Amino acid sequence: MDTVKTAAAATPFAIADNTWSATKTKLKGKFTQLTDTDLHFVAGKESELVARLQTKLHKSEAEVQKLISTI
């Protein structure tokens, strides 16, 4: 059972290209301080996007990832 938890924890955070446009629009509506530059997304560089949003929103990495996944 521990190997299942380890494998799940090792799964990197990923954003689907085809959903980012809608997610970006929702984030800009909810957080008016976010700019297009803050929300610039390049596939495979999710960590850079998350880091920018952490700084701008004053949230932890886990909070930003959850926000992106659930918005």
C-alpha atoms as a PDB file:
ATOM      1  CA  MET A   1       0.000   0.000   0.000  1.00  0.00           C
ATOM      2  CA  ASP A   2       2.906   2.366   0.635  1.00  0.00           C
ATOM      3  CA  THR A   3       4.079   1.953  -2.962  1.00  0.00           C
ATOM      4  CA  VAL A   4       0.698   3.197  -4.193  1.00  0.00           C
ATOM      5  CA  LYS A   5       1.002   6.346  -2.076  1.00  0.00           C
ATOM      6  CA  THR A   6       4.568   6.910  -3.255  1.00  0.00           C
ATOM      7  CA  ALA A   7       3.599   6.497  -6.900  1.00  0.00           C
ATOM      8  CA  ALA A   8       0.702   8.931  -6.518  1.00  0.00           C
ATOM      9  CA  ALA A   9       2.890  11.480  -4.758  1.00  0.00           C
ATOM     10  CA  ALA A  10       5.501  11.183  -7.507  1.00  0.00           C
ATOM     11  CA  THR A  11       2.977  12.061 -10.231  1.00  0.00           C
ATOM     12  CA  PRO A  12       3.866  15.528 -11.479  1.00  0.00           C
ATOM     13  CA  PHE A  13       1.266  18.267 -11.691  1.00  0.00           C
ATOM     14  CA  ALA A  14       0.121  18.660 -15.291  1.00  0.00           C
ATOM     15  CA  ILE A  15      -2.239  20.956 -17.154  1.00  0.00           C
ATOM     16  CA  ALA A  16      -3.990  19.897 -20.336  1.00  0.00           C
ATOM     17  CA  ASP A  17      -3.387  22.352 -23.202  1.00  0.00           C
ATOM     18  CA  ASN A  18      -6.962  22.035 -24.395  1.00  0.00           C
ATOM     19  CA  THR A  19      -8.425  23.176 -21.052  1.00  0.00           C
ATOM     20  CA  TRP A  20      -6.034  25.996 -20.191  1.00  0.00           C
ATOM     21  CA  SER A  21      -7.880  28.744 -22.083  1.00  0.00           C
ATOM     22  CA  ALA A  22     -11.088  28.224 -20.097  1.00  0.00           C
ATOM     23  CA  THR A  23      -9.174  27.838 -16.826  1.00  0.00           C
ATOM     24  CA  LYS A  24      -7.216  31.029 -17.534  1.00  0.00           C
ATOM     25  CA  THR A  25     -10.456  32.965 -18.145  1.00  0.00           C
ATOM     26  CA  LYS A  26     -11.955  31.703 -14.882  1.00  0.00           C
ATOM     27  CA  LEU A  27      -8.813  32.585 -12.922  1.00  0.00           C
ATOM     28  CA  LYS A  28      -8.744  36.111 -14.379  1.00  0.00           C
ATOM     29  CA  GLY A  29     -12.399  36.535 -13.422  1.00  0.00           C
ATOM     30  CA  LYS A  30     -11.825  35.357  -9.869  1.00  0.00           C
ATOM     31  CA  PHE A  31      -8.483  37.108  -9.294  1.00  0.00           C
ATOM     32  CA  THR A  32      -8.553  40.468 -11.063  1.00  0.00           C
ATOM     33  CA  GLN A  33      -4.909  41.166 -10.178  1.00  0.00           C
ATOM     34  CA  LEU A  34      -3.738  38.380 -12.514  1.00  0.00           C
ATOM     35  CA  THR A  35      -2.385  39.424 -15.903  1.00  0.00           C
ATOM     36  CA  ASP A  36      -1.871  37.504 -19.141  1.00  0.00           C
ATOM     37  CA  THR A  37       1.833  37.389 -18.270  1.00  0.00           C
ATOM     38  CA  ASP A  38       1.051  35.791 -14.891  1.00  0.00           C
ATOM     39  CA  LEU A  39      -1.102  33.195 -16.609  1.00  0.00           C
ATOM     40  CA  HIS A  40       1.224  32.429 -19.538  1.00  0.00           C
ATOM     41  CA  PHE A  41       1.393  28.647 -19.864  1.00  0.00           C
ATOM     42  CA  VAL A  42       3.898  26.501 -21.738  1.00  0.00           C
ATOM     43  CA  ALA A  43       3.252  22.745 -21.802  1.00  0.00           C
ATOM     44  CA  GLY A  44       5.748  20.930 -19.617  1.00  0.00           C
ATOM     45  CA  LYS A  45       6.569  24.045 -17.583  1.00  0.00           C
ATOM     46  CA  GLU A  46       3.683  23.928 -15.139  1.00  0.00           C
ATOM     47  CA  SER A  47       6.041  24.529 -12.244  1.00  0.00           C
ATOM     48  CA  GLU A  48       6.916  27.979 -13.615  1.00  0.00           C
ATOM     49  CA  LEU A  49       3.241  28.919 -13.890  1.00  0.00           C
ATOM     50  CA  VAL A  50       2.531  27.623 -10.391  1.00  0.00           C
ATOM     51  CA  ALA A  51       5.487  29.599  -8.988  1.00  0.00           C
ATOM     52  CA  ARG A  52       4.216  32.837 -10.580  1.00  0.00           C
ATOM     53  CA  LEU A  53       0.724  32.264  -9.205  1.00  0.00           C
ATOM     54  CA  GLN A  54       2.092  31.421  -5.748  1.00  0.00           C
ATOM     55  CA  THR A  55       3.845  34.782  -5.640  1.00  0.00           C
ATOM     56  CA  LYS A  56       0.931  36.778  -7.024  1.00  0.00           C
ATOM     57  CA  LEU A  57      -1.800  35.075  -4.942  1.00  0.00           C
ATOM     58  CA  HIS A  58       0.231  34.484  -1.753  1.00  0.00           C
ATOM     59  CA  LYS A  59      -0.695  30.795  -1.710  1.00  0.00           C
ATOM     60  CA  SER A  60       1.259  27.572  -1.294  1.00  0.00           C
ATOM     61  CA  GLU A  61       2.156  25.332  -4.207  1.00  0.00           C
ATOM     62  CA  ALA A  62      -0.494  22.819  -3.135  1.00  0.00           C
ATOM     63  CA  GLU A  63      -3.144  25.544  -2.888  1.00  0.00           C
ATOM     64  CA  VAL A  64      -2.365  26.841  -6.393  1.00  0.00           C
ATOM     65  CA  GLN A  65      -2.383  23.346  -7.882  1.00  0.00           C
ATOM     66  CA  LYS A  66      -5.732  22.606  -6.219  1.00  0.00           C
ATOM     67  CA  LEU A  67      -7.134  25.932  -7.430  1.00  0.00           C
ATOM     68  CA  ILE A  68      -6.112  25.207 -11.028  1.00  0.00           C
ATOM     69  CA  SER A  69      -7.479  21.659 -10.850  1.00  0.00           C
ATOM     70  CA  THR A  70     -10.850  22.619  -9.396  1.00  0.00           C
ATOM     71  CA  ILE A  71     -11.735  25.962 -10.985  1.00  0.00           C
END
